[in-house]
Amino acid sequence: MPADLIDFGIERSRHEHFFGREDVHAAIDRHLDGVGASGRWVLVTCGPGMGKSALLSRWLDVQEQRGHRAPHHFLRRDVMD
């Protein structure tokens, strides 16, 4: 991995056992795969412990299983770098 890329492997590994929310995954797919979707972003917000990182980690896993690499970034309230 190039040195300038952030490795979110630790964050993603915290959510290996996730299931459900296929409706949300389908909505993300529709938004990001739609006509003219180039450059679209998804920002997931809600309170602490609601499953934002788990949801997106699972979505990224599915995308990678399909052979797609989606650009992504995880933000953590207590991590400034």
N, C-alpha and C. Protein backbone atom coordinates (compact mmCIF):
# COMPACT_ATOMS: atom_id res chain seq x y z
N MET A 1 0.85 -1.17 0.00
CA MET A 1 0.00 0.00 0.00
C MET A 1 0.89 1.24 0.00
N PRO A 2 0.59 2.21 -0.87
CA PRO A 2 1.39 3.44 -0.88
C PRO A 2 1.35 4.13 0.49
N ALA A 3 2.44 4.78 0.83
CA ALA A 3 2.58 5.39 2.16
C ALA A 3 1.57 6.51 2.40
N ASP A 4 1.06 7.14 1.34
CA ASP A 4 0.14 8.26 1.54
C ASP A 4 -1.31 7.82 1.73
N LEU A 5 -1.60 6.52 1.64
CA LEU A 5 -2.96 6.02 1.86
C LEU A 5 -3.12 5.59 3.32
N ILE A 6 -4.27 5.86 3.88
CA ILE A 6 -4.56 5.47 5.25
C ILE A 6 -5.09 4.04 5.24
N ASP A 7 -4.57 3.22 6.14
CA ASP A 7 -5.02 1.83 6.25
C ASP A 7 -6.15 1.77 7.28
N PHE A 8 -7.37 1.49 6.81
CA PHE A 8 -8.52 1.37 7.70
C PHE A 8 -8.79 -0.09 8.06
N GLY A 9 -7.80 -0.95 7.87
CA GLY A 9 -7.97 -2.37 8.17
C GLY A 9 -8.37 -2.63 9.60
N ILE A 10 -7.80 -1.91 10.54
CA ILE A 10 -8.14 -2.10 11.95
C ILE A 10 -9.60 -1.72 12.18
N GLU A 11 -10.00 -0.58 11.66
CA GLU A 11 -11.39 -0.14 11.83
C GLU A 11 -12.35 -1.14 11.20
N ARG A 12 -12.04 -1.59 10.01
CA ARG A 12 -12.92 -2.53 9.33
C ARG A 12 -12.94 -3.89 10.01
N SER A 13 -11.84 -4.31 10.60
CA SER A 13 -11.81 -5.62 11.25
C SER A 13 -12.64 -5.65 12.53
N ARG A 14 -12.96 -4.49 13.08
CA ARG A 14 -13.80 -4.43 14.28
C ARG A 14 -15.23 -4.85 13.98
N HIS A 15 -15.60 -4.94 12.71
CA HIS A 15 -17.00 -5.17 12.32
C HIS A 15 -17.14 -6.38 11.40
N GLU A 16 -16.43 -7.44 11.69
CA GLU A 16 -16.45 -8.61 10.81
C GLU A 16 -17.79 -9.34 10.81
N HIS A 17 -18.52 -9.30 11.91
CA HIS A 17 -19.76 -10.06 12.03
C HIS A 17 -20.96 -9.13 11.98
N PHE A 18 -21.30 -8.73 10.78
CA PHE A 18 -22.40 -7.80 10.57
C PHE A 18 -23.41 -8.47 9.64
N PHE A 19 -24.67 -8.31 9.93
CA PHE A 19 -25.69 -8.86 9.05
C PHE A 19 -26.90 -7.94 9.09
N GLY A 20 -27.74 -8.07 8.08
CA GLY A 20 -28.93 -7.23 8.01
C GLY A 20 -28.67 -5.93 7.29
N ARG A 21 -29.68 -5.08 7.31
CA ARG A 21 -29.66 -3.75 6.69
C ARG A 21 -29.43 -3.78 5.19
N GLU A 22 -29.92 -4.86 4.56
CA GLU A 22 -29.81 -4.94 3.11
C GLU A 22 -30.49 -3.76 2.42
N ASP A 23 -31.54 -3.22 3.06
CA ASP A 23 -32.24 -2.07 2.48
C ASP A 23 -31.32 -0.86 2.38
N VAL A 24 -30.51 -0.67 3.40
CA VAL A 24 -29.58 0.48 3.38
C VAL A 24 -28.47 0.23 2.37
N HIS A 25 -27.95 -1.00 2.32
CA HIS A 25 -26.92 -1.32 1.33
C HIS A 25 -27.44 -1.12 -0.08
N ALA A 26 -28.68 -1.52 -0.33
CA ALA A 26 -29.28 -1.34 -1.67
C ALA A 26 -29.42 0.15 -1.99
N ALA A 27 -29.79 0.96 -1.00
CA ALA A 27 -29.92 2.40 -1.23
C ALA A 27 -28.56 3.02 -1.55
N ILE A 28 -27.52 2.60 -0.86
CA ILE A 28 -26.17 3.10 -1.14
C ILE A 28 -25.77 2.70 -2.56
N ASP A 29 -26.02 1.44 -2.92
CA ASP A 29 -25.71 0.98 -4.28
C ASP A 29 -26.43 1.83 -5.33
N ARG A 30 -27.72 2.06 -5.13
CA ARG A 30 -28.49 2.86 -6.10
C ARG A 30 -27.91 4.26 -6.24
N HIS A 31 -27.54 4.84 -5.13
CA HIS A 31 -27.01 6.21 -5.16
C HIS A 31 -25.65 6.26 -5.86
N LEU A 32 -24.77 5.33 -5.52
CA LEU A 32 -23.41 5.39 -6.05
C LEU A 32 -23.26 4.79 -7.44
N ASP A 33 -24.20 3.93 -7.84
CA ASP A 33 -24.10 3.29 -9.16
C ASP A 33 -25.03 3.91 -10.18
N GLY A 34 -25.73 4.96 -9.83
CA GLY A 34 -26.70 5.58 -10.74
C GLY A 34 -26.04 6.31 -11.90
N VAL A 35 -26.86 6.73 -12.81
CA VAL A 35 -26.38 7.50 -13.97
C VAL A 35 -25.72 8.78 -13.46
N GLY A 36 -24.55 9.05 -13.94
CA GLY A 36 -23.83 10.25 -13.52
C GLY A 36 -23.31 10.16 -12.10
N ALA A 37 -23.10 8.94 -11.61
CA ALA A 37 -22.72 8.75 -10.21
C ALA A 37 -21.26 9.08 -9.93
N SER A 38 -20.48 9.32 -10.95
CA SER A 38 -19.07 9.63 -10.74
C SER A 38 -18.93 10.84 -9.82
N GLY A 39 -18.14 10.69 -8.79
CA GLY A 39 -17.91 11.79 -7.87
C GLY A 39 -18.92 11.88 -6.74
N ARG A 40 -19.85 10.94 -6.65
CA ARG A 40 -20.83 10.96 -5.56
C ARG A 40 -20.22 10.44 -4.27
N TRP A 41 -20.74 10.94 -3.17
CA TRP A 41 -20.27 10.54 -1.84
C TRP A 41 -21.47 10.15 -0.99
N VAL A 42 -21.21 9.36 0.01
CA VAL A 42 -22.22 9.01 1.01
C VAL A 42 -21.63 9.36 2.37
N LEU A 43 -22.36 10.13 3.14
CA LEU A 43 -21.97 10.46 4.50
C LEU A 43 -23.03 9.88 5.43
N VAL A 44 -22.61 8.99 6.31
CA VAL A 44 -23.55 8.34 7.23
C VAL A 44 -23.36 8.97 8.60
N THR A 45 -24.45 9.51 9.14
CA THR A 45 -24.39 10.15 10.46
C THR A 45 -25.50 9.59 11.35
N CYS A 46 -25.20 9.49 12.60
CA CYS A 46 -26.16 9.16 13.66
C CYS A 46 -25.36 9.09 14.96
N GLY A 47 -26.01 8.75 16.02
CA GLY A 47 -25.36 8.74 17.32
C GLY A 47 -24.31 7.65 17.46
N PRO A 48 -23.52 7.74 18.54
CA PRO A 48 -22.49 6.74 18.80
C PRO A 48 -23.10 5.35 19.00
N GLY A 49 -22.42 4.35 18.46
CA GLY A 49 -22.84 2.97 18.66
C GLY A 49 -24.02 2.52 17.84
N MET A 50 -24.41 3.29 16.84
CA MET A 50 -25.58 2.94 16.03
C MET A 50 -25.23 2.06 14.83
N GLY A 51 -23.95 1.86 14.55
CA GLY A 51 -23.55 0.93 13.49
C GLY A 51 -23.10 1.55 12.20
N LYS A 52 -22.70 2.81 12.21
CA LYS A 52 -22.26 3.47 10.98
C LYS A 52 -21.05 2.77 10.37
N SER A 53 -20.02 2.57 11.16
CA SER A 53 -18.80 1.93 10.65
C SER A 53 -19.06 0.49 10.25
N ALA A 54 -19.88 -0.21 11.02
CA ALA A 54 -20.20 -1.60 10.70
C ALA A 54 -20.94 -1.68 9.37
N LEU A 55 -21.90 -0.80 9.18
CA LEU A 55 -22.67 -0.76 7.94
C LEU A 55 -21.76 -0.55 6.74
N LEU A 56 -20.90 0.45 6.82
CA LEU A 56 -20.02 0.77 5.69
C LEU A 56 -18.92 -0.27 5.51
N SER A 57 -18.44 -0.85 6.59
CA SER A 57 -17.43 -1.92 6.48
C SER A 57 -18.00 -3.10 5.71
N ARG A 58 -19.24 -3.47 6.04
CA ARG A 58 -19.89 -4.58 5.34
C ARG A 58 -20.12 -4.23 3.88
N TRP A 59 -20.58 -3.00 3.61
CA TRP A 59 -20.80 -2.59 2.23
C TRP A 59 -19.50 -2.65 1.43
N LEU A 60 -18.40 -2.20 2.03
CA LEU A 60 -17.10 -2.27 1.36
C LEU A 60 -16.68 -3.71 1.11
N ASP A 61 -16.92 -4.60 2.07
CA ASP A 61 -16.60 -6.02 1.88
C ASP A 61 -17.33 -6.59 0.67
N VAL A 62 -18.61 -6.28 0.56
CA VAL A 62 -19.41 -6.77 -0.58
C VAL A 62 -18.87 -6.20 -1.88
N GLN A 63 -18.54 -4.93 -1.90
CA GLN A 63 -17.99 -4.32 -3.11
C GLN A 63 -16.68 -5.00 -3.52
N GLU A 64 -15.82 -5.28 -2.55
CA GLU A 64 -14.55 -5.94 -2.85
C GLU A 64 -14.76 -7.36 -3.35
N GLN A 65 -15.76 -8.06 -2.81
CA GLN A 65 -16.08 -9.41 -3.30
C GLN A 65 -16.54 -9.36 -4.75
N ARG A 66 -17.15 -8.26 -5.16
CA ARG A 66 -17.60 -8.06 -6.54
C ARG A 66 -16.47 -7.57 -7.45
N GLY A 67 -15.31 -7.35 -6.88
CA GLY A 67 -14.17 -6.89 -7.66
C GLY A 67 -14.04 -5.38 -7.77
N HIS A 68 -14.79 -4.64 -6.96
CA HIS A 68 -14.74 -3.17 -6.99
C HIS A 68 -14.02 -2.65 -5.75
N ARG A 69 -13.25 -1.61 -5.94
CA ARG A 69 -12.60 -0.94 -4.82
C ARG A 69 -13.19 0.45 -4.71
N ALA A 70 -13.89 0.69 -3.64
CA ALA A 70 -14.54 1.99 -3.45
C ALA A 70 -13.65 2.89 -2.59
N PRO A 71 -13.41 4.11 -3.02
CA PRO A 71 -12.67 5.03 -2.16
C PRO A 71 -13.51 5.29 -0.90
N HIS A 72 -12.87 5.34 0.24
CA HIS A 72 -13.61 5.53 1.49
C HIS A 72 -12.72 6.15 2.56
N HIS A 73 -13.37 6.66 3.58
CA HIS A 73 -12.66 7.25 4.71
C HIS A 73 -13.55 7.12 5.95
N PHE A 74 -12.98 6.64 7.04
CA PHE A 74 -13.70 6.55 8.30
C PHE A 74 -13.25 7.70 9.21
N LEU A 75 -14.20 8.36 9.82
CA LEU A 75 -13.90 9.43 10.76
C LEU A 75 -14.24 8.92 12.16
N ARG A 76 -13.36 9.14 13.10
CA ARG A 76 -13.62 8.77 14.49
C ARG A 76 -13.54 10.01 15.34
N ARG A 77 -14.53 10.18 16.18
CA ARG A 77 -14.63 11.38 17.01
C ARG A 77 -13.40 11.60 17.86
N ASP A 78 -12.79 10.54 18.37
CA ASP A 78 -11.67 10.70 19.29
C ASP A 78 -10.30 10.60 18.61
N VAL A 79 -10.23 10.59 17.29
CA VAL A 79 -8.97 10.48 16.57
C VAL A 79 -8.84 11.71 15.66
N MET A 80 -7.83 12.50 15.89
CA MET A 80 -7.67 13.74 15.11
C MET A 80 -6.79 13.58 13.87
N ASP A 81 -6.06 12.48 13.74
CA ASP A 81 -5.17 12.35 12.59
C ASP A 81 -5.68 11.31 11.61
